[in-house]
Amino acid sequence: MGPAEDPASAAFVEEMGLIFQAEGMPRIAGRIFGRLVLCGGPFSLSDLALKLKASRGSISTNTRLLESIGLIERTAVAGDRQGYYRLAPDPYTRLLEGSIQRIAKANETVRRAQLRVPRRQADAHARLDELADFYSKTATGFEAILEKFAALSKSRARRSSSSL
């Protein structure tokens, strides 16, 4: 199950739960992700339920959620029929992609408002323009970070495969 739980690791797992919760996701999903960041895996649903003191049903539901967004992946362990989960390759790129998608969705909402709000509401348009600019620049910045991170991930993968 990985190293013994120390207070710093336990705090990290709990804080990841709060971070995910603040992003509108279930707290337990963040706790699962935090555990896998620390220990990698693979872990069975039962292992995760025991370690995180959560129901197996909650763990099952939230591992499927994390798998669907590409942060973790299901794997097999030789000689064992149950499913296991581990951190997916490149999960942080997936986090950035999710952020970019949410920013794009918010920006589209602002763009629709710019078209629909009557032009005579000049103050509202000025604020909408400012918000659209914010989202546009934020998306551009995140996309640049994503490109740099993807290049770094490829470089790590090349180094890893050349050391085999």
Protein backbone atom coordinates (compact mmCIF):
# COMPACT_ATOMS: atom_id res chain seq x y z
CA MET A 1 0.00 0.00 0.00
CA GLY A 2 3.03 2.26 -0.06
CA PRO A 3 4.89 4.00 2.73
CA ALA A 4 3.34 4.49 6.14
CA GLU A 5 1.13 7.54 6.28
CA ASP A 6 3.00 10.43 7.83
CA PRO A 7 1.24 13.66 8.89
CA ALA A 8 2.54 15.63 5.91
CA SER A 9 1.27 13.00 3.44
CA ALA A 10 -2.10 12.81 5.18
CA ALA A 11 -2.38 16.60 5.07
CA PHE A 12 -1.50 16.66 1.36
CA VAL A 13 -4.18 14.08 0.54
CA GLU A 14 -6.79 16.05 2.50
CA GLU A 15 -5.74 19.36 0.91
CA MET A 16 -6.00 17.85 -2.57
CA GLY A 17 -9.54 16.87 -1.65
CA LEU A 18 -10.30 20.48 -0.76
CA ILE A 19 -8.70 21.75 -3.98
CA PHE A 20 -10.82 19.40 -6.10
CA GLN A 21 -13.90 20.36 -4.09
CA ALA A 22 -13.22 24.05 -4.76
CA GLU A 23 -13.11 23.18 -8.47
CA GLY A 24 -16.58 21.64 -8.27
CA MET A 25 -15.50 18.03 -8.08
CA PRO A 26 -16.11 15.56 -5.25
CA ARG A 27 -13.70 15.90 -2.37
CA ILE A 28 -13.00 12.17 -2.39
CA ALA A 29 -11.86 12.42 -6.03
CA GLY A 30 -9.17 14.86 -4.94
CA ARG A 31 -8.19 12.63 -2.05
CA ILE A 32 -7.84 9.64 -4.41
CA PHE A 33 -5.76 11.75 -6.79
CA GLY A 34 -3.59 13.01 -3.93
CA ARG A 35 -2.98 9.47 -2.73
CA LEU A 36 -1.96 8.34 -6.20
CA VAL A 37 0.34 11.35 -6.63
CA LEU A 38 2.15 10.35 -3.47
CA CYS A 39 2.24 6.60 -4.00
CA GLY A 40 1.67 6.06 -7.73
CA GLY A 41 -0.17 2.79 -7.44
CA PRO A 42 -1.49 0.46 -8.52
CA PHE A 43 -4.15 0.21 -5.83
CA SER A 44 -7.34 -1.81 -5.78
CA LEU A 45 -10.63 -0.16 -4.88
CA SER A 46 -10.44 -1.96 -1.53
CA ASP A 47 -6.92 -0.64 -0.89
CA LEU A 48 -8.04 2.92 -1.61
CA ALA A 49 -11.21 2.58 0.47
CA LEU A 50 -9.22 1.31 3.43
CA LYS A 51 -6.46 3.88 3.19
CA LEU A 52 -8.81 6.82 2.61
CA LYS A 53 -11.44 5.59 5.07
CA ALA A 54 -14.19 5.89 2.46
CA SER A 55 -16.82 3.49 1.16
CA ARG A 56 -15.89 1.20 -1.69
CA GLY A 57 -18.87 2.59 -3.64
CA SER A 58 -17.61 6.15 -3.30
CA ILE A 59 -14.11 5.07 -4.32
CA SER A 60 -15.52 3.18 -7.32
CA THR A 61 -17.63 6.14 -8.48
CA ASN A 62 -14.78 8.59 -8.15
CA THR A 63 -12.08 6.41 -9.72
CA ARG A 64 -14.37 6.16 -12.76
CA LEU A 65 -14.67 9.97 -12.74
CA LEU A 66 -10.90 10.45 -12.50
CA GLU A 67 -10.37 7.84 -15.20
CA SER A 68 -12.87 9.57 -17.51
CA ILE A 69 -10.92 12.84 -17.31
CA GLY A 70 -7.58 11.11 -17.83
CA LEU A 71 -5.98 11.64 -14.42
CA ILE A 72 -5.81 7.98 -13.46
CA GLU A 73 -5.95 4.73 -15.37
CA ARG A 74 -7.14 1.23 -14.71
CA THR A 75 -4.54 -1.49 -14.83
CA ALA A 76 -4.25 -5.18 -14.09
CA VAL A 77 -2.07 -7.00 -11.60
CA ALA A 78 -0.93 -10.46 -12.67
CA GLY A 79 -2.84 -13.18 -10.87
CA ASP A 80 -5.54 -10.85 -9.53
CA ARG A 81 -8.94 -10.39 -11.15
CA GLN A 82 -9.90 -7.12 -9.50
CA GLY A 83 -9.23 -3.79 -11.14
CA TYR A 84 -6.39 -1.59 -9.98
CA TYR A 85 -5.77 2.11 -10.49
CA ARG A 86 -2.65 4.17 -10.85
CA LEU A 87 -1.75 7.68 -11.82
CA ALA A 88 -2.13 8.09 -15.59
CA PRO A 89 0.83 9.10 -17.70
CA ASP A 90 0.93 12.88 -18.01
CA PRO A 91 -2.03 13.68 -15.72
CA TYR A 92 -0.93 17.28 -15.25
CA THR A 93 -1.34 18.00 -18.94
CA ARG A 94 -4.94 16.78 -18.51
CA LEU A 95 -5.43 19.22 -15.63
CA LEU A 96 -4.22 22.09 -17.81
CA GLU A 97 -6.41 20.99 -20.70
CA GLY A 98 -9.41 20.93 -18.37
CA SER A 99 -8.61 24.45 -17.18
CA ILE A 100 -8.30 25.67 -20.76
CA GLN A 101 -11.67 24.12 -21.63
CA ARG A 102 -13.35 25.80 -18.65
CA ILE A 103 -11.80 29.15 -19.57
CA ALA A 104 -12.96 28.75 -23.18
CA LYS A 105 -16.48 27.96 -21.99
CA ALA A 106 -16.51 31.03 -19.73
CA ASN A 107 -15.16 33.19 -22.56
CA GLU A 108 -17.88 31.94 -24.90
CA THR A 109 -20.48 32.95 -22.31
CA VAL A 110 -18.97 36.44 -22.20
CA ARG A 111 -18.85 36.65 -26.01
CA ARG A 112 -22.55 35.73 -26.24
CA ALA A 113 -23.36 38.41 -23.67
CA GLN A 114 -21.38 40.97 -25.68
CA LEU A 115 -23.61 40.21 -28.67
CA ARG A 116 -26.88 40.16 -26.73
CA VAL A 117 -26.53 42.99 -24.22
CA PRO A 118 -27.83 46.19 -25.80
CA ARG A 119 -25.03 48.55 -26.89
CA ARG A 120 -26.65 51.41 -24.99
CA GLN A 121 -25.42 49.68 -21.80
CA ALA A 122 -21.94 51.06 -22.35
CA ASP A 123 -20.72 50.42 -18.81
CA ALA A 124 -21.80 46.78 -19.00
CA HIS A 125 -20.02 46.41 -22.35
CA ALA A 126 -16.85 47.93 -20.97
CA ARG A 127 -16.86 45.37 -18.15
CA LEU A 128 -17.70 42.55 -20.57
CA ASP A 129 -14.83 43.62 -22.82
CA GLU A 130 -12.49 43.63 -19.85
CA LEU A 131 -13.67 40.15 -18.80
CA ALA A 132 -13.32 38.82 -22.35
CA ASP A 133 -9.80 40.20 -22.48
CA PHE A 134 -9.01 38.52 -19.16
CA TYR A 135 -10.27 35.13 -20.35
CA SER A 136 -8.54 35.47 -23.71
CA LYS A 137 -5.17 36.31 -22.16
CA THR A 138 -5.56 33.63 -19.51
CA ALA A 139 -6.32 31.00 -22.16
CA THR A 140 -3.33 32.13 -24.24
CA GLY A 141 -1.09 31.91 -21.19
CA PHE A 142 -2.37 28.47 -20.22
CA GLU A 143 -1.92 27.23 -23.79
CA ALA A 144 1.70 28.42 -23.73
CA ILE A 145 2.23 26.65 -20.41
CA LEU A 146 0.63 23.51 -21.86
CA GLU A 147 3.01 23.58 -24.84
CA LYS A 148 6.02 23.93 -22.54
CA PHE A 149 4.77 21.20 -20.24
CA ALA A 150 4.08 18.86 -23.18
CA ALA A 151 7.62 19.43 -24.48
CA LEU A 152 9.01 18.73 -21.02
CA SER A 153 6.94 15.54 -20.74
CA LYS A 154 8.20 14.33 -24.13
CA SER A 155 11.76 15.05 -23.07
CA ARG A 156 11.25 13.07 -19.84
CA ALA A 157 9.73 10.17 -21.80
CA ARG A 158 12.70 10.11 -24.19
CA ARG A 159 15.17 10.10 -21.29
CA SER A 160 13.18 7.38 -19.54
CA SER A 161 12.99 5.14 -22.62
CA SER A 162 16.68 5.63 -23.44
CA SER A 163 17.66 4.50 -19.92
CA LEU A 164 15.88 1.15 -20.39
